[in-house]
Amino acid sequence: MLNERVDGDAHQPARPSWDCRACEQPWPCAPAKVCLGEAYAGNRVGLGIYMAGLYDQALTELQLWPAGDVFARFVAWTR
């Protein structure tokens, strides 16, 4: 499902690091945010819910990161 939301194979997260496979930046990188925003155009709540689900998954894999930083990375930008 994530591939459908973020432009095919481009700018996908490499797990468990959650870095972008295309640009190696922390995912969601800027291009992924644009693609996700376009995929959820007019549905900011849906985008927030989707990213909150990924945030939950990322918390278990990014255990050395403070939860607030992971929240900012995955969810806060959707506001």
PDB file of N, CA and C in Angstrom:
ATOM      1  N   MET A   1       0.822  -1.198   0.000  1.00  0.00           N
ATOM      2  CA  MET A   1       0.000   0.000   0.000  1.00  0.00           C
ATOM      3  C   MET A   1       0.864   1.259   0.000  1.00  0.00           C
ATOM      4  N   LEU A   2       2.000   1.257   0.696  1.00  0.00           N
ATOM      5  CA  LEU A   2       2.851   2.432   0.733  1.00  0.00           C
ATOM      6  C   LEU A   2       3.359   2.766  -0.662  1.00  0.00           C
ATOM      7  N   ASN A   3       3.712   1.762  -1.469  1.00  0.00           N
ATOM      8  CA  ASN A   3       4.167   2.019  -2.834  1.00  0.00           C
ATOM      9  C   ASN A   3       3.119   2.762  -3.636  1.00  0.00           C
ATOM     10  N   GLU A   4       1.859   2.467  -3.425  1.00  0.00           N
ATOM     11  CA  GLU A   4       0.784   3.145  -4.137  1.00  0.00           C
ATOM     12  C   GLU A   4       0.666   4.590  -3.694  1.00  0.00           C
ATOM     13  N   ARG A   5       0.987   4.885  -2.457  1.00  0.00           N
ATOM     14  CA  ARG A   5       0.856   6.235  -1.918  1.00  0.00           C
ATOM     15  C   ARG A   5       2.025   7.120  -2.293  1.00  0.00           C
ATOM     16  N   VAL A   6       3.219   6.527  -2.443  1.00  0.00           N
ATOM     17  CA  VAL A   6       4.426   7.323  -2.675  1.00  0.00           C
ATOM     18  C   VAL A   6       5.066   6.920  -3.993  1.00  0.00           C
ATOM     19  N   ASP A   7       4.524   7.384  -5.086  1.00  0.00           N
ATOM     20  CA  ASP A   7       5.121   7.333  -6.413  1.00  0.00           C
ATOM     21  C   ASP A   7       5.896   6.054  -6.715  1.00  0.00           C
ATOM     22  N   GLY A   8       5.222   4.911  -6.675  1.00  0.00           N
ATOM     23  CA  GLY A   8       5.867   3.656  -7.035  1.00  0.00           C
ATOM     24  C   GLY A   8       7.039   3.322  -6.146  1.00  0.00           C
ATOM     25  N   ASP A   9       8.203   3.077  -6.747  1.00  0.00           N
ATOM     26  CA  ASP A   9       9.379   2.674  -5.989  1.00  0.00           C
ATOM     27  C   ASP A   9      10.230   3.846  -5.537  1.00  0.00           C
ATOM     28  N   ALA A  10       9.950   5.037  -6.015  1.00  0.00           N
ATOM     29  CA  ALA A  10      10.745   6.204  -5.645  1.00  0.00           C
ATOM     30  C   ALA A  10      10.410   6.668  -4.228  1.00  0.00           C
ATOM     31  N   HIS A  11      11.404   7.061  -3.508  1.00  0.00           N
ATOM     32  CA  HIS A  11      11.275   7.667  -2.181  1.00  0.00           C
ATOM     33  C   HIS A  11      10.462   6.812  -1.207  1.00  0.00           C
ATOM     34  N   GLN A  12      10.847   5.551  -1.136  1.00  0.00           N
ATOM     35  CA  GLN A  12      10.273   4.597  -0.193  1.00  0.00           C
ATOM     36  C   GLN A  12      11.189   4.467   1.018  1.00  0.00           C
ATOM     37  N   PRO A  13      10.645   4.143   2.180  1.00  0.00           N
ATOM     38  CA  PRO A  13      11.505   3.956   3.347  1.00  0.00           C
ATOM     39  C   PRO A  13      12.220   2.604   3.304  1.00  0.00           C
ATOM     40  N   ALA A  14      13.467   2.621   3.695  1.00  0.00           N
ATOM     41  CA  ALA A  14      14.224   1.387   3.895  1.00  0.00           C
ATOM     42  C   ALA A  14      14.121   1.058   5.381  1.00  0.00           C
ATOM     43  N   ARG A  15      13.483  -0.034   5.672  1.00  0.00           N
ATOM     44  CA  ARG A  15      13.296  -0.400   7.061  1.00  0.00           C
ATOM     45  C   ARG A  15      14.355  -1.393   7.478  1.00  0.00           C
ATOM     46  N   PRO A  16      14.822  -1.317   8.687  1.00  0.00           N
ATOM     47  CA  PRO A  16      14.275  -0.623   9.846  1.00  0.00           C
ATOM     48  C   PRO A  16      14.841   0.779  10.072  1.00  0.00           C
ATOM     49  N   SER A  17      15.695   1.282   9.191  1.00  0.00           N
ATOM     50  CA  SER A  17      16.287   2.606   9.420  1.00  0.00           C
ATOM     51  C   SER A  17      15.311   3.738   9.128  1.00  0.00           C
ATOM     52  N   TRP A  18      14.329   3.484   8.282  1.00  0.00           N
ATOM     53  CA  TRP A  18      13.366   4.485   7.845  1.00  0.00           C
ATOM     54  C   TRP A  18      14.056   5.641   7.116  1.00  0.00           C
ATOM     55  N   ASP A  19      15.139   5.346   6.419  1.00  0.00           N
ATOM     56  CA  ASP A  19      15.757   6.320   5.525  1.00  0.00           C
ATOM     57  C   ASP A  19      15.217   6.079   4.130  1.00  0.00           C
ATOM     58  N   CYS A  20      15.170   7.118   3.327  1.00  0.00           N
ATOM     59  CA  CYS A  20      14.647   7.019   1.969  1.00  0.00           C
ATOM     60  C   CYS A  20      15.592   6.201   1.102  1.00  0.00           C
ATOM     61  N   ARG A  21      15.032   5.272   0.340  1.00  0.00           N
ATOM     62  CA  ARG A  21      15.845   4.448  -0.557  1.00  0.00           C
ATOM     63  C   ARG A  21      16.412   5.256  -1.714  1.00  0.00           C
ATOM     64  N   ALA A  22      15.728   6.309  -2.133  1.00  0.00           N
ATOM     65  CA  ALA A  22      16.156   7.095  -3.294  1.00  0.00           C
ATOM     66  C   ALA A  22      17.188   8.154  -2.925  1.00  0.00           C
ATOM     67  N   CYS A  23      16.933   8.919  -1.865  1.00  0.00           N
ATOM     68  CA  CYS A  23      17.811  10.050  -1.548  1.00  0.00           C
ATOM     69  C   CYS A  23      18.561   9.889  -0.224  1.00  0.00           C
ATOM     70  N   GLU A  24      18.282   8.801   0.487  1.00  0.00           N
ATOM     71  CA  GLU A  24      18.957   8.461   1.740  1.00  0.00           C
ATOM     72  C   GLU A  24      18.751   9.477   2.867  1.00  0.00           C
ATOM     73  N   GLN A  25      17.739  10.307   2.745  1.00  0.00           N
ATOM     74  CA  GLN A  25      17.371  11.244   3.807  1.00  0.00           C
ATOM     75  C   GLN A  25      16.389  10.544   4.744  1.00  0.00           C
ATOM     76  N   PRO A  26      16.232  11.053   5.966  1.00  0.00           N
ATOM     77  CA  PRO A  26      15.217  10.470   6.850  1.00  0.00           C
ATOM     78  C   PRO A  26      13.849  10.515   6.167  1.00  0.00           C
ATOM     79  N   TRP A  27      13.166   9.373   6.180  1.00  0.00           N
ATOM     80  CA  TRP A  27      11.857   9.283   5.541  1.00  0.00           C
ATOM     81  C   TRP A  27      10.768   9.622   6.543  1.00  0.00           C
ATOM     82  N   PRO A  28       9.749  10.361   6.178  1.00  0.00           N
ATOM     83  CA  PRO A  28       9.436  10.831   4.840  1.00  0.00           C
ATOM     84  C   PRO A  28      10.293  12.038   4.454  1.00  0.00           C
ATOM     85  N   CYS A  29      11.006  11.892   3.371  1.00  0.00           N
ATOM     86  CA  CYS A  29      11.822  12.973   2.836  1.00  0.00           C
ATOM     87  C   CYS A  29      10.908  13.994   2.156  1.00  0.00           C
ATOM     88  N   ALA A  30      11.455  15.100   1.735  1.00  0.00           N
ATOM     89  CA  ALA A  30      10.641  16.151   1.103  1.00  0.00           C
ATOM     90  C   ALA A  30       9.857  15.633  -0.111  1.00  0.00           C
ATOM     91  N   PRO A  31      10.479  14.878  -1.036  1.00  0.00           N
ATOM     92  CA  PRO A  31       9.686  14.366  -2.164  1.00  0.00           C
ATOM     93  C   PRO A  31       8.570  13.418  -1.726  1.00  0.00           C
ATOM     94  N   ALA A  32       8.826  12.599  -0.719  1.00  0.00           N
ATOM     95  CA  ALA A  32       7.783  11.694  -0.227  1.00  0.00           C
ATOM     96  C   ALA A  32       6.629  12.481   0.384  1.00  0.00           C
ATOM     97  N   LYS A  33       6.940  13.560   1.100  1.00  0.00           N
ATOM     98  CA  LYS A  33       5.878  14.389   1.677  1.00  0.00           C
ATOM     99  C   LYS A  33       5.014  15.011   0.586  1.00  0.00           C
ATOM    100  N   VAL A  34       5.643  15.444  -0.491  1.00  0.00           N
ATOM    101  CA  VAL A  34       4.881  16.011  -1.608  1.00  0.00           C
ATOM    102  C   VAL A  34       3.967  14.946  -2.199  1.00  0.00           C
ATOM    103  N   CYS A  35       4.518  13.768  -2.460  1.00  0.00           N
ATOM    104  CA  CYS A  35       3.715  12.684  -3.042  1.00  0.00           C
ATOM    105  C   CYS A  35       2.576  12.266  -2.119  1.00  0.00           C
ATOM    106  N   LEU A  36       2.865  12.163  -0.827  1.00  0.00           N
ATOM    107  CA  LEU A  36       1.816  11.807   0.127  1.00  0.00           C
ATOM    108  C   LEU A  36       0.745  12.892   0.191  1.00  0.00           C
ATOM    109  N   GLY A  37       1.174  14.153   0.190  1.00  0.00           N
ATOM    110  CA  GLY A  37       0.211  15.253   0.196  1.00  0.00           C
ATOM    111  C   GLY A  37      -0.681  15.228  -1.023  1.00  0.00           C
ATOM    112  N   GLU A  38      -0.113  14.911  -2.174  1.00  0.00           N
ATOM    113  CA  GLU A  38      -0.903  14.817  -3.403  1.00  0.00           C
ATOM    114  C   GLU A  38      -1.844  13.617  -3.366  1.00  0.00           C
ATOM    115  N   ALA A  39      -1.358  12.504  -2.833  1.00  0.00           N
ATOM    116  CA  ALA A  39      -2.186  11.302  -2.748  1.00  0.00           C
ATOM    117  C   ALA A  39      -3.379  11.511  -1.824  1.00  0.00           C
ATOM    118  N   TYR A  40      -3.210  12.339  -0.811  1.00  0.00           N
ATOM    119  CA  TYR A  40      -4.276  12.615   0.150  1.00  0.00           C
ATOM    120  C   TYR A  40      -4.849  14.010  -0.033  1.00  0.00           C
ATOM    121  N   ALA A  41      -4.785  14.541  -1.227  1.00  0.00           N
ATOM    122  CA  ALA A  41      -5.293  15.892  -1.493  1.00  0.00           C
ATOM    123  C   ALA A  41      -6.725  16.030  -0.982  1.00  0.00           C
ATOM    124  N   GLY A  42      -6.950  17.051  -0.183  1.00  0.00           N
ATOM    125  CA  GLY A  42      -8.289  17.282   0.357  1.00  0.00           C
ATOM    126  C   GLY A  42      -8.654  16.381   1.520  1.00  0.00           C
ATOM    127  N   ASN A  43      -7.735  15.549   1.981  1.00  0.00           N
ATOM    128  CA  ASN A  43      -8.033  14.636   3.083  1.00  0.00           C
ATOM    129  C   ASN A  43      -6.887  14.648   4.090  1.00  0.00           C
ATOM    130  N   ARG A  44      -6.676  15.783   4.710  1.00  0.00           N
ATOM    131  CA  ARG A  44      -5.587  15.931   5.670  1.00  0.00           C
ATOM    132  C   ARG A  44      -5.755  14.990   6.860  1.00  0.00           C
ATOM    133  N   VAL A  45      -6.987  14.751   7.270  1.00  0.00           N
ATOM    134  CA  VAL A  45      -7.228  13.830   8.388  1.00  0.00           C
ATOM    135  C   VAL A  45      -6.783  12.426   7.998  1.00  0.00           C
ATOM    136  N   GLY A  46      -7.126  11.994   6.798  1.00  0.00           N
ATOM    137  CA  GLY A  46      -6.710  10.674   6.323  1.00  0.00           C
ATOM    138  C   GLY A  46      -5.204  10.547   6.270  1.00  0.00           C
ATOM    139  N   LEU A  47      -4.528  11.604   5.814  1.00  0.00           N
ATOM    140  CA  LEU A  47      -3.068  11.608   5.779  1.00  0.00           C
ATOM    141  C   LEU A  47      -2.509  11.475   7.193  1.00  0.00           C
ATOM    142  N   GLY A  48      -3.078  12.209   8.127  1.00  0.00           N
ATOM    143  CA  GLY A  48      -2.628  12.126   9.512  1.00  0.00           C
ATOM    144  C   GLY A  48      -2.817  10.737  10.097  1.00  0.00           C
ATOM    145  N   ILE A  49      -3.940  10.125   9.806  1.00  0.00           N
ATOM    146  CA  ILE A  49      -4.214   8.776  10.307  1.00  0.00           C
ATOM    147  C   ILE A  49      -3.239   7.776   9.691  1.00  0.00           C
ATOM    148  N   TYR A  50      -3.009   7.890   8.391  1.00  0.00           N
ATOM    149  CA  TYR A  50      -2.083   6.994   7.703  1.00  0.00           C
ATOM    150  C   TYR A  50      -0.672   7.128   8.287  1.00  0.00           C
ATOM    151  N   MET A  51      -0.229   8.368   8.454  1.00  0.00           N
ATOM    152  CA  MET A  51       1.119   8.596   8.973  1.00  0.00           C
ATOM    153  C   MET A  51       1.225   8.194  10.434  1.00  0.00           C
ATOM    154  N   ALA A  52       0.135   8.319  11.189  1.00  0.00           N
ATOM    155  CA  ALA A  52       0.143   7.871  12.586  1.00  0.00           C
ATOM    156  C   ALA A  52       0.345   6.359  12.664  1.00  0.00           C
ATOM    157  N   GLY A  53      -0.224   5.625  11.724  1.00  0.00           N
ATOM    158  CA  GLY A  53      -0.007   4.183  11.671  1.00  0.00           C
ATOM    159  C   GLY A  53       1.445   3.841  11.379  1.00  0.00           C
ATOM    160  N   LEU A  54       2.052   4.600  10.458  1.00  0.00           N
ATOM    161  CA  LEU A  54       3.473   4.382  10.164  1.00  0.00           C
ATOM    162  C   LEU A  54       4.339   4.804  11.343  1.00  0.00           C
ATOM    163  N   TYR A  55       3.935   5.855  12.022  1.00  0.00           N
ATOM    164  CA  TYR A  55       4.631   6.312  13.237  1.00  0.00           C
ATOM    165  C   TYR A  55       4.663   5.186  14.265  1.00  0.00           C
ATOM    166  N   ASP A  56       3.546   4.523  14.445  1.00  0.00           N
ATOM    167  CA  ASP A  56       3.473   3.421  15.401  1.00  0.00           C
ATOM    168  C   ASP A  56       4.461   2.320  15.033  1.00  0.00           C
ATOM    169  N   GLN A  57       4.540   1.992  13.746  1.00  0.00           N
ATOM    170  CA  GLN A  57       5.497   0.977  13.293  1.00  0.00           C
ATOM    171  C   GLN A  57       6.936   1.459  13.489  1.00  0.00           C
ATOM    172  N   ALA A  58       7.186   2.719  13.166  1.00  0.00           N
ATOM    173  CA  ALA A  58       8.536   3.267  13.261  1.00  0.00           C
ATOM    174  C   ALA A  58       9.022   3.320  14.710  1.00  0.00           C
ATOM    175  N   LEU A  59       8.127   3.546  15.646  1.00  0.00           N
ATOM    176  CA  LEU A  59       8.531   3.599  17.053  1.00  0.00           C
ATOM    177  C   LEU A  59       9.227   2.321  17.497  1.00  0.00           C
ATOM    178  N   THR A  60       8.752   1.198  17.005  1.00  0.00           N
ATOM    179  CA  THR A  60       9.352  -0.075  17.404  1.00  0.00           C
ATOM    180  C   THR A  60      10.711  -0.288  16.739  1.00  0.00           C
ATOM    181  N   GLU A  61      10.930   0.338  15.583  1.00  0.00           N
ATOM    182  CA  GLU A  61      12.172   0.145  14.845  1.00  0.00           C
ATOM    183  C   GLU A  61      13.196   1.257  15.093  1.00  0.00           C
ATOM    184  N   LEU A  62      12.748   2.391  15.578  1.00  0.00           N
ATOM    185  CA  LEU A  62      13.634   3.525  15.855  1.00  0.00           C
ATOM    186  C   LEU A  62      13.696   3.764  17.363  1.00  0.00           C
ATOM    187  N   GLN A  63      13.951   2.714  18.115  1.00  0.00           N
ATOM    188  CA  GLN A  63      13.877   2.777  19.570  1.00  0.00           C
ATOM    189  C   GLN A  63      14.901   3.717  20.197  1.00  0.00           C
ATOM    190  N   LEU A  64      15.980   4.012  19.510  1.00  0.00           N
ATOM    191  CA  LEU A  64      16.982   4.919  20.066  1.00  0.00           C
ATOM    192  C   LEU A  64      16.604   6.382  19.874  1.00  0.00           C
ATOM    193  N   TRP A  65      15.614   6.650  19.046  1.00  0.00           N
ATOM    194  CA  TRP A  65      15.148   8.016  18.816  1.00  0.00           C
ATOM    195  C   TRP A  65      14.125   8.394  19.879  1.00  0.00           C
ATOM    196  N   PRO A  66      14.143   9.631  20.362  1.00  0.00           N
ATOM    197  CA  PRO A  66      13.074  10.078  21.266  1.00  0.00           C
ATOM    198  C   PRO A  66      11.725  10.040  20.536  1.00  0.00           C
ATOM    199  N   ALA A  67      10.698   9.600  21.235  1.00  0.00           N
ATOM    200  CA  ALA A  67       9.373   9.464  20.624  1.00  0.00           C
ATOM    201  C   ALA A  67       8.894  10.791  20.029  1.00  0.00           C
ATOM    202  N   GLY A  68       9.209  11.909  20.676  1.00  0.00           N
ATOM    203  CA  GLY A  68       8.789  13.209  20.150  1.00  0.00           C
ATOM    204  C   GLY A  68       9.428  13.524  18.812  1.00  0.00           C
ATOM    205  N   ASP A  69      10.679  13.123  18.628  1.00  0.00           N
ATOM    206  CA  ASP A  69      11.349  13.335  17.349  1.00  0.00           C
ATOM    207  C   ASP A  69      10.724  12.476  16.258  1.00  0.00           C
ATOM    208  N   VAL A  70      10.380  11.250  16.610  1.00  0.00           N
ATOM    209  CA  VAL A  70       9.743  10.363  15.637  1.00  0.00           C
ATOM    210  C   VAL A  70       8.356  10.901  15.288  1.00  0.00           C
ATOM    211  N   PHE A  71       7.639  11.413  16.273  1.00  0.00           N
ATOM    212  CA  PHE A  71       6.323  12.012  16.015  1.00  0.00           C
ATOM    213  C   PHE A  71       6.453  13.196  15.058  1.00  0.00           C
ATOM    214  N   ALA A  72       7.419  14.063  15.306  1.00  0.00           N
ATOM    215  CA  ALA A  72       7.617  15.222  14.425  1.00  0.00           C
ATOM    216  C   ALA A  72       7.929  14.773  13.010  1.00  0.00           C
ATOM    217  N   ARG A  73       8.717  13.753  12.887  1.00  0.00           N
ATOM    218  CA  ARG A  73       9.134  13.254  11.577  1.00  0.00           C
ATOM    219  C   ARG A  73       7.973  12.629  10.803  1.00  0.00           C
ATOM    220  N   PHE A  74       7.112  11.902  11.489  1.00  0.00           N
ATOM    221  CA  PHE A  74       6.056  11.164  10.805  1.00  0.00           C
ATOM    222  C   PHE A  74       4.690  11.838  10.796  1.00  0.00           C
ATOM    223  N   VAL A  75       4.348  12.530  11.860  1.00  0.00           N
ATOM    224  CA  VAL A  75       2.965  13.003  11.994  1.00  0.00           C
ATOM    225  C   VAL A  75       2.839  14.514  12.006  1.00  0.00           C
ATOM    226  N   ALA A  76       3.677  15.213  12.725  1.00  0.00           N
ATOM    227  CA  ALA A  76       3.483  16.654  12.941  1.00  0.00           C
ATOM    228  C   ALA A  76       3.429  17.443  11.640  1.00  0.00           C
ATOM    229  N   TRP A  77       4.177  17.045  10.631  1.00  0.00           N
ATOM    230  CA  TRP A  77       4.194  17.786   9.371  1.00  0.00           C
ATOM    231  C   TRP A  77       2.865  17.709   8.619  1.00  0.00           C
ATOM    232  N   THR A  78       2.000  16.792   9.004  1.00  0.00           N
ATOM    233  CA  THR A  78       0.729  16.637   8.268  1.00  0.00           C
ATOM    234  C   THR A  78      -0.316  17.675   8.657  1.00  0.00           C
ATOM    235  N   ARG A  79      -0.051  18.469   9.678  1.00  0.00           N
ATOM    236  CA  ARG A  79      -1.039  19.453  10.139  1.00  0.00           C
ATOM    237  C   ARG A  79      -1.288  20.525   9.115  1.00  0.00           C
TER     238      ARG A  79
END
